[in-house]
Amino acid sequence: MTAAIIDGKAYAEALRARVAAAVPAFVEATGRKPGLAVVLVGEDPASQVYVRSKGKAMVAAGLESFEHKLPDTTTQEELSALVERLNADEAVDGILVQLPLPKGVDEKAVISTIDPAKDVDGFHVINAGRLAVGEEALVPCTPLGCLMLLRDRLGDLSGLDAVVVGRSNIVGKPMAQLLLQENCTVTVAHSRTRDLPGVVRRADIVVAAVGRPQMIRGDWLKPGATVIDVGINRIQIGEGKTRLVGDVEFESASEVAGAITPVPGGVGPMTIAVLLRNTLVAAHARAGLPAPEGL
């Protein structure tokens, strides 16, 4: 068996196009574009690249992008004050504080300062709580993107056995909540799970978000399983050479799985596309408009 490739890049491009198509109606109704404020503290190279990508994607979709770049000497009080100003800014529908933050800045405290209605990352405890009890909420971008790919591939997920490997607040826990809402039977596993291969092997759906390069191998999988690989790890392949790999050993897994996301080109492109979607959804809610259809 050779697994079908789940093309996250193609799905993300289609989602971006749907967002762009919905923006003109919002502009006509409100007289302004939906706006996202991205706050970058410090000089982390990966974060800088990611923020630039977000800004370009926002503009391409017809949304407003507001970037705030702060030095790594910024205090927690200064950062929180900026967030409070963005909370009060009517042109801003979404606020994203790029993580990680410099040492000495409490990430949880900063996130808790964000207005939950503008929390397009879905990290605020109020949005996490709403998701947990099945209420409408802004959902973290990566797990929601994973769910979109699963629905596109499998249709109805009801009754399927799903294993999420990883228990982070950013991916693992919200992913499990989303799958529960789809009526899956969900197990949250992690690096300390006893007989982790055996737990993974019973799953129809495997979402790998543990942050360990190529940890999950083909012989861990149930034949025909659908595998969503959230991991992005850079490994050494020779002197001065590296490559990106996921948390799943792609070569062996693709011989057993029914469908699998590649790294890169799988889940990664979905994160920014869902960020655009969340910003538009937040903008509609703040304007008292019905949620845009097809997103």
Protein backbone atom coordinates (compact mmCIF):
# COMPACT_ATOMS: atom_id res chain seq x y z
CA MET A 1 0.00 0.00 0.00
CA THR A 2 1.19 3.51 -0.80
CA ALA A 3 -0.63 6.27 1.06
CA ALA A 4 -2.47 9.06 -0.71
CA ILE A 5 -0.82 12.42 -0.08
CA ILE A 6 -3.00 14.98 1.70
CA ASP A 7 -2.09 18.23 -0.04
CA GLY A 8 -2.32 20.89 2.66
CA LYS A 9 -0.82 23.50 0.37
CA ALA A 10 -3.61 23.12 -2.19
CA TYR A 11 -6.33 23.14 0.48
CA ALA A 12 -4.79 26.22 2.13
CA GLU A 13 -4.72 28.08 -1.20
CA ALA A 14 -8.40 27.30 -1.72
CA LEU A 15 -9.24 28.47 1.81
CA ARG A 16 -7.33 31.71 1.27
CA ALA A 17 -9.28 32.25 -1.94
CA ARG A 18 -12.59 31.73 -0.11
CA VAL A 19 -11.53 34.26 2.54
CA ALA A 20 -10.56 36.78 -0.14
CA ALA A 21 -13.89 36.26 -1.89
CA ALA A 22 -15.79 37.01 1.34
CA VAL A 23 -13.91 40.22 2.22
CA PRO A 24 -15.69 42.60 -0.23
CA ALA A 25 -19.09 41.91 1.37
CA PHE A 26 -17.65 42.78 4.79
CA VAL A 27 -16.12 45.98 3.44
CA GLU A 28 -19.44 46.95 1.84
CA ALA A 29 -21.30 46.34 5.11
CA THR A 30 -18.85 48.09 7.44
CA GLY A 31 -16.84 50.53 5.31
CA ARG A 32 -13.52 49.01 6.37
CA LYS A 33 -11.35 45.94 5.91
CA PRO A 34 -10.96 43.27 8.60
CA GLY A 35 -7.70 43.95 10.45
CA LEU A 36 -5.10 41.79 12.17
CA ALA A 37 -2.44 43.21 14.48
CA VAL A 38 0.70 41.07 14.82
CA VAL A 39 3.09 41.84 17.66
CA LEU A 40 6.70 40.65 17.35
CA VAL A 41 9.04 41.07 20.31
CA GLY A 42 12.77 40.53 19.75
CA GLU A 43 14.86 39.33 16.84
CA ASP A 44 14.08 35.61 16.60
CA PRO A 45 14.79 34.79 12.90
CA ALA A 46 12.09 32.13 12.56
CA SER A 47 9.49 34.43 14.10
CA GLN A 48 10.50 37.27 11.77
CA VAL A 49 10.05 35.05 8.70
CA TYR A 50 6.70 33.82 9.98
CA VAL A 51 5.44 37.34 10.68
CA ARG A 52 6.43 38.48 7.18
CA SER A 53 4.55 35.52 5.70
CA LYS A 54 1.46 36.38 7.72
CA GLY A 55 1.58 40.00 6.60
CA LYS A 56 1.88 39.08 2.93
CA ALA A 57 -0.98 36.59 3.22
CA MET A 58 -3.22 39.16 4.91
CA VAL A 59 -2.65 41.78 2.22
CA ALA A 60 -3.10 39.23 -0.58
CA ALA A 61 -6.49 38.24 0.87
CA GLY A 62 -7.61 41.88 1.08
CA LEU A 63 -7.29 42.19 4.85
CA GLU A 64 -5.53 44.93 6.80
CA SER A 65 -2.22 44.02 8.44
CA PHE A 66 -0.82 46.01 11.36
CA GLU A 67 2.68 45.01 12.47
CA HIS A 68 4.19 46.07 15.78
CA LYS A 69 7.86 45.20 16.18
CA LEU A 70 9.33 45.69 19.64
CA PRO A 71 12.89 45.23 20.96
CA ASP A 72 13.75 42.25 23.16
CA THR A 73 14.20 44.72 26.04
CA THR A 74 10.43 45.30 26.06
CA THR A 75 8.98 44.73 29.52
CA GLN A 76 5.85 42.76 30.26
CA GLU A 77 4.13 45.97 31.33
CA GLU A 78 4.98 47.67 28.02
CA LEU A 79 3.78 44.68 26.01
CA SER A 80 0.55 44.41 27.98
CA ALA A 81 -0.05 48.15 27.49
CA LEU A 82 0.28 47.72 23.72
CA VAL A 83 -2.18 44.82 23.77
CA GLU A 84 -4.66 46.94 25.74
CA ARG A 85 -4.39 49.67 23.10
CA LEU A 86 -5.04 47.12 20.37
CA ASN A 87 -8.04 45.80 22.32
CA ALA A 88 -9.52 49.30 22.16
CA ASP A 89 -8.67 49.90 18.48
CA GLU A 90 -11.82 49.49 16.38
CA ALA A 91 -9.76 48.86 13.23
CA VAL A 92 -8.26 45.73 14.81
CA ASP A 93 -10.34 42.54 14.74
CA GLY A 94 -7.59 40.11 15.64
CA ILE A 95 -4.50 40.30 17.85
CA LEU A 96 -1.65 37.83 17.55
CA VAL A 97 1.37 38.03 19.84
CA GLN A 98 4.10 35.98 18.17
CA LEU A 99 5.54 33.29 20.43
CA PRO A 100 8.02 32.59 21.91
CA LEU A 101 8.50 35.77 23.92
CA PRO A 102 11.84 36.83 25.42
CA LYS A 103 12.85 35.52 28.83
CA GLY A 104 11.27 37.41 31.66
CA VAL A 105 7.99 37.97 29.86
CA ASP A 106 5.09 35.80 31.07
CA GLU A 107 3.39 34.43 27.95
CA LYS A 108 0.25 33.36 29.81
CA ALA A 109 -0.16 36.79 31.37
CA VAL A 110 0.20 38.51 28.00
CA ILE A 111 -2.25 36.16 26.29
CA SER A 112 -4.77 36.68 29.10
CA THR A 113 -4.64 40.43 28.34
CA ILE A 114 -5.95 39.90 24.79
CA ASP A 115 -9.67 40.52 24.32
CA PRO A 116 -11.13 36.99 23.77
CA ALA A 117 -13.16 38.39 20.85
CA LYS A 118 -9.88 39.34 19.14
CA ASP A 119 -7.95 36.21 20.16
CA VAL A 120 -7.52 34.78 16.65
CA ASP A 121 -4.88 32.34 17.92
CA GLY A 122 -7.51 30.79 20.21
CA PHE A 123 -5.11 30.64 23.16
CA HIS A 124 -7.09 32.68 25.73
CA VAL A 125 -8.52 30.57 28.55
CA ILE A 126 -12.02 31.81 27.74
CA ASN A 127 -11.79 30.49 24.17
CA ALA A 128 -10.19 27.27 25.42
CA GLY A 129 -13.06 26.86 27.88
CA ARG A 130 -15.69 27.55 25.24
CA LEU A 131 -14.13 24.94 22.99
CA ALA A 132 -14.03 22.43 25.84
CA VAL A 133 -17.77 22.75 26.52
CA GLY A 134 -18.75 22.83 22.85
CA GLU A 135 -19.62 26.53 22.54
CA GLU A 136 -18.71 28.81 19.65
CA ALA A 137 -15.09 29.90 20.05
CA LEU A 138 -12.05 31.10 18.20
CA VAL A 139 -10.06 27.88 17.79
CA PRO A 140 -6.25 27.56 17.53
CA CYS A 141 -5.27 27.69 13.88
CA THR A 142 -3.18 24.53 13.55
CA PRO A 143 -5.67 22.02 15.03
CA LEU A 144 -8.56 23.61 13.14
CA GLY A 145 -6.52 23.28 9.96
CA CYS A 146 -5.90 19.61 10.76
CA LEU A 147 -9.63 19.07 11.24
CA MET A 148 -10.37 20.68 7.88
CA LEU A 149 -7.93 18.31 6.17
CA LEU A 150 -9.47 15.31 7.92
CA ARG A 151 -13.00 16.30 6.94
CA ASP A 152 -11.91 16.88 3.36
CA ARG A 153 -10.29 13.47 3.21
CA LEU A 154 -12.72 11.34 5.23
CA GLY A 155 -16.02 13.21 5.28
CA ASP A 156 -17.96 12.12 8.36
CA LEU A 157 -15.55 11.34 11.22
CA SER A 158 -18.24 9.99 13.54
CA GLY A 159 -17.26 6.77 15.34
CA LEU A 160 -13.65 6.74 14.18
CA ASP A 161 -10.90 5.92 16.67
CA ALA A 162 -8.51 8.89 16.88
CA VAL A 163 -5.19 9.14 18.71
CA VAL A 164 -3.57 12.52 19.28
CA VAL A 165 0.10 12.15 20.17
CA GLY A 166 0.95 15.31 22.10
CA ARG A 167 -0.81 17.22 24.87
CA SER A 168 0.17 20.87 24.31
CA ASN A 169 -2.32 23.68 24.84
CA ILE A 170 -1.59 24.89 21.32
CA VAL A 171 -2.23 21.69 19.35
CA GLY A 172 -2.80 18.47 21.30
CA LYS A 173 -5.56 19.47 23.70
CA PRO A 174 -7.64 21.57 21.28
CA MET A 175 -7.21 18.89 18.60
CA ALA A 176 -8.69 16.32 20.97
CA GLN A 177 -11.63 18.64 21.73
CA LEU A 178 -12.33 19.18 18.04
CA LEU A 179 -12.27 15.44 17.35
CA LEU A 180 -14.64 14.81 20.28
CA GLN A 181 -17.05 17.30 18.74
CA GLU A 182 -16.85 15.25 15.54
CA ASN A 183 -17.97 12.19 17.56
CA CYS A 184 -14.63 10.42 17.36
CA THR A 185 -13.41 8.15 20.15
CA VAL A 186 -10.34 10.10 21.25
CA THR A 187 -7.17 9.12 23.08
CA VAL A 188 -4.58 11.75 24.00
CA ALA A 189 -1.18 10.03 24.15
CA HIS A 190 2.28 11.41 24.78
CA SER A 191 5.91 10.47 25.32
CA ARG A 192 5.15 8.81 28.66
CA THR A 193 2.24 6.72 27.44
CA ARG A 194 2.80 3.02 28.14
CA ASP A 195 3.00 0.97 24.95
CA LEU A 196 2.67 4.05 22.77
CA PRO A 197 3.07 2.02 19.55
CA GLY A 198 0.19 -0.22 20.62
CA VAL A 199 -2.03 2.76 21.40
CA VAL A 200 -1.27 4.39 18.04
CA ARG A 201 -1.76 1.09 16.17
CA ARG A 202 -5.47 0.92 16.99
CA ALA A 203 -6.26 4.37 15.55
CA ASP A 204 -8.14 5.16 12.35
CA ILE A 205 -6.83 8.73 12.69
CA VAL A 206 -3.38 9.64 14.03
CA VAL A 207 -2.49 13.28 14.72
CA ALA A 208 1.23 13.52 15.55
CA ALA A 209 2.11 16.66 17.50
CA VAL A 210 4.77 15.52 19.96
CA GLY A 211 7.75 17.51 18.65
CA ARG A 212 10.13 14.58 18.20
CA PRO A 213 11.60 14.00 14.73
CA GLN A 214 10.33 10.86 12.97
CA MET A 215 9.19 9.32 16.25
CA ILE A 216 6.15 7.52 14.82
CA ARG A 217 7.11 4.76 12.40
CA GLY A 218 5.18 2.77 9.88
CA ASP A 219 4.98 -0.33 12.06
CA TRP A 220 3.13 1.74 14.69
CA LEU A 221 0.22 2.33 12.31
CA LYS A 222 -2.99 0.51 11.57
CA PRO A 223 -3.14 -0.30 7.85
CA GLY A 224 -5.19 2.33 6.07
CA ALA A 225 -5.02 4.89 8.88
CA THR A 226 -5.15 8.60 8.09
CA VAL A 227 -2.06 10.37 9.45
CA ILE A 228 -1.83 14.10 10.12
CA ASP A 229 1.76 15.09 10.89
CA VAL A 230 1.95 18.43 12.72
CA GLY A 231 5.67 18.19 13.48
CA ILE A 232 8.21 20.51 11.89
CA ASN A 233 11.74 19.47 12.83
CA ARG A 234 15.04 20.32 11.18
CA ILE A 235 17.54 17.45 11.20
CA GLN A 236 21.13 17.12 10.07
CA ILE A 237 21.60 15.00 6.94
CA GLY A 238 25.25 15.68 6.28
CA GLU A 239 27.97 18.19 6.90
CA GLY A 240 26.33 21.60 6.77
CA LYS A 241 23.08 20.17 5.35
CA THR A 242 19.67 19.90 6.97
CA ARG A 243 16.14 19.03 5.99
CA LEU A 244 12.68 19.37 7.44
CA VAL A 245 10.94 16.27 8.75
CA GLY A 246 7.80 15.66 10.75
CA ASP A 247 7.06 13.67 13.87
CA VAL A 248 6.24 10.71 11.60
CA GLU A 249 8.81 8.72 9.65
CA PHE A 250 7.25 9.47 6.28
CA GLU A 251 8.85 6.74 4.17
CA SER A 252 7.75 3.79 6.31
CA ALA A 253 4.43 5.37 7.31
CA SER A 254 3.43 6.01 3.71
CA GLU A 255 3.70 2.27 3.04
CA VAL A 256 1.06 1.51 5.70
CA ALA A 257 -1.23 4.53 5.99
CA GLY A 258 -4.19 5.15 3.73
CA ALA A 259 -3.45 8.88 3.58
CA ILE A 260 -0.76 11.10 5.08
CA THR A 261 0.31 14.74 5.19
CA PRO A 262 3.86 15.46 4.00
CA VAL A 263 6.36 17.73 5.74
CA PRO A 264 6.66 20.33 4.36
CA GLY A 265 3.49 20.98 2.40
CA GLY A 266 0.94 19.39 4.73
CA VAL A 267 -0.26 21.05 7.91
CA GLY A 268 2.13 24.03 7.75
CA PRO A 269 0.36 26.02 5.01
CA MET A 270 -2.96 25.51 6.79
CA THR A 271 -1.94 27.49 9.87
CA ILE A 272 -1.70 30.87 8.13
CA ALA A 273 -4.77 30.16 5.98
CA VAL A 274 -6.83 29.44 9.10
CA LEU A 275 -5.45 32.59 10.72
CA LEU A 276 -6.97 34.58 7.84
CA ARG A 277 -10.22 32.68 8.31
CA ASN A 278 -10.26 33.34 12.07
CA THR A 279 -9.62 37.05 11.53
CA LEU A 280 -12.55 37.31 9.11
CA VAL A 281 -14.81 35.33 11.48
CA ALA A 282 -13.80 37.57 14.40
CA ALA A 283 -14.45 40.68 12.30
CA HIS A 284 -17.97 39.50 11.43
CA ALA A 285 -18.75 38.72 15.07
CA ARG A 286 -17.49 42.10 16.26
CA ALA A 287 -19.55 43.88 13.58
CA GLY A 288 -22.69 41.93 14.50
CA LEU A 289 -22.75 40.22 11.11
CA PRO A 290 -23.57 36.55 10.44
CA ALA A 291 -20.52 34.31 10.15
CA PRO A 292 -19.25 34.07 6.57
CA GLU A 293 -20.40 30.91 4.80
CA GLY A 294 -18.06 28.24 3.45
CA LEU A 295 -15.24 28.87 5.95
